[in-house]
Amino acid sequence: MRFMNDFDLHCARTHFGHGDTPNRLALVLCVDNLREWADMNSDGWAYWPKPVRAALKAIELIDGRTTVDITDAEMNAAVRPIKAFLTRQGVTAHDREIILRAVEVAA
């Protein structure tokens, strides 16, 4: 299973943060927010596989290291499992909004 730690996400944020890939950057921000939430609500992102599995599609798109952006449809498809995970976990509306903030604006 692919995994991105906080350093990997920081590097991806730097790589995609120049304005040419707003959808990939939005995914980075979403996955990073999910990581932070998992760290605060469990033993941590590295030890709780459910949020990482929910973010796998997003991680694959982030980890590509390309300079070509993805479509809105690809971004929304990658976010769908994260939204489902948040619903199954009963995440508060406030936390859900923070986690999904970047991709909801772009959607």
Protein backbone atom coordinates (compact mmCIF):
# COMPACT_ATOMS: atom_id res chain seq x y z
CA MET A 1 0.00 0.00 0.00
CA ARG A 2 1.29 3.44 -0.86
CA PHE A 3 1.76 5.82 2.02
CA MET A 4 2.68 9.48 2.26
CA ASN A 5 4.05 10.86 5.50
CA ASP A 6 4.13 14.55 6.42
CA PHE A 7 7.49 15.06 4.68
CA ASP A 8 6.18 13.50 1.44
CA LEU A 9 3.11 15.73 1.58
CA HIS A 10 5.25 18.79 2.26
CA CYS A 11 7.38 17.99 -0.80
CA ALA A 12 4.25 17.47 -2.92
CA ARG A 13 2.84 20.80 -1.70
CA THR A 14 6.05 22.51 -2.78
CA HIS A 15 6.07 20.67 -6.13
CA PHE A 16 2.45 21.47 -7.02
CA GLY A 17 2.21 24.87 -5.32
CA HIS A 18 3.26 27.04 -8.25
CA GLY A 19 -0.19 27.57 -9.78
CA ASP A 20 0.04 25.24 -12.79
CA THR A 21 -1.57 22.25 -11.06
CA PRO A 22 -4.39 23.53 -8.83
CA ASN A 23 -6.30 20.23 -8.72
CA ARG A 24 -3.24 18.22 -7.69
CA LEU A 25 -2.44 20.85 -5.07
CA ALA A 26 -6.02 20.65 -3.78
CA LEU A 27 -5.58 16.87 -3.37
CA VAL A 28 -2.33 17.40 -1.48
CA LEU A 29 -4.05 19.79 0.90
CA CYS A 30 -6.98 17.42 1.36
CA VAL A 31 -4.77 14.41 2.10
CA ASP A 32 -2.59 16.48 4.43
CA ASN A 33 -5.69 17.68 6.31
CA LEU A 34 -6.90 14.08 6.55
CA ARG A 35 -3.48 13.06 7.88
CA GLU A 36 -3.62 15.77 10.55
CA TRP A 37 -7.15 14.73 11.53
CA ALA A 38 -6.09 11.06 11.77
CA ASP A 39 -3.12 12.04 13.93
CA MET A 40 -5.42 13.92 16.32
CA ASN A 41 -8.12 11.23 16.46
CA SER A 42 -6.21 7.96 16.59
CA ASP A 43 -2.80 6.47 17.17
CA GLY A 44 -1.84 8.32 14.01
CA TRP A 45 -1.89 8.33 10.24
CA ALA A 46 0.96 5.81 10.11
CA TYR A 47 -0.89 3.30 12.32
CA TRP A 48 -4.52 3.59 11.17
CA PRO A 49 -4.90 2.08 7.69
CA LYS A 50 -8.51 3.16 7.05
CA PRO A 51 -7.84 6.83 6.25
CA VAL A 52 -4.78 5.90 4.19
CA ARG A 53 -6.85 3.40 2.17
CA ALA A 54 -9.53 6.06 1.66
CA ALA A 55 -6.86 8.41 0.29
CA LEU A 56 -5.11 5.88 -1.99
CA LYS A 57 -6.50 7.27 -5.27
CA ALA A 58 -5.51 10.78 -4.23
CA ILE A 59 -2.06 9.59 -3.13
CA GLU A 60 -1.50 7.90 -6.50
CA LEU A 61 -2.34 11.16 -8.30
CA ILE A 62 -0.12 13.17 -5.96
CA ASP A 63 2.79 10.76 -6.09
CA GLY A 64 3.00 10.95 -9.88
CA ARG A 65 5.36 13.94 -9.72
CA THR A 66 4.16 15.15 -13.09
CA THR A 67 3.74 18.78 -14.05
CA VAL A 68 0.42 18.12 -15.81
CA ASP A 69 -2.73 18.79 -13.81
CA ILE A 70 -5.63 16.38 -13.46
CA THR A 71 -9.20 17.12 -14.45
CA ASP A 72 -11.93 18.13 -12.02
CA ALA A 73 -13.56 14.74 -12.63
CA GLU A 74 -10.34 12.88 -11.71
CA MET A 75 -9.99 14.98 -8.57
CA ASN A 76 -13.60 14.38 -7.55
CA ALA A 77 -13.22 10.63 -8.15
CA ALA A 78 -10.15 10.58 -5.90
CA VAL A 79 -11.98 12.48 -3.16
CA ARG A 80 -15.10 10.27 -3.20
CA PRO A 81 -13.56 7.48 -1.02
CA ILE A 82 -12.32 10.11 1.45
CA LYS A 83 -15.82 11.56 1.75
CA ALA A 84 -17.24 8.06 2.26
CA PHE A 85 -14.66 7.35 4.96
CA LEU A 86 -15.51 10.59 6.77
CA THR A 87 -19.21 9.72 6.66
CA ARG A 88 -18.61 6.18 7.98
CA GLN A 89 -16.47 7.55 10.81
CA GLY A 90 -19.11 10.11 11.79
CA VAL A 91 -16.66 13.00 11.46
CA THR A 92 -18.14 16.29 12.64
CA ALA A 93 -19.30 18.80 10.05
CA HIS A 94 -16.57 21.19 11.22
CA ASP A 95 -13.76 18.65 10.81
CA ARG A 96 -15.19 17.44 7.50
CA GLU A 97 -15.22 21.00 6.17
CA ILE A 98 -11.60 21.52 7.19
CA ILE A 99 -10.46 18.24 5.60
CA LEU A 100 -12.32 18.84 2.32
CA ARG A 101 -11.92 22.61 2.13
CA ALA A 102 -9.43 22.67 -0.75
CA VAL A 103 -11.29 20.23 -2.96
CA GLU A 104 -14.74 21.65 -2.28
CA VAL A 105 -13.65 25.09 -3.47
CA ALA A 106 -12.21 23.60 -6.64
CA ALA A 107 -15.22 21.36 -7.27
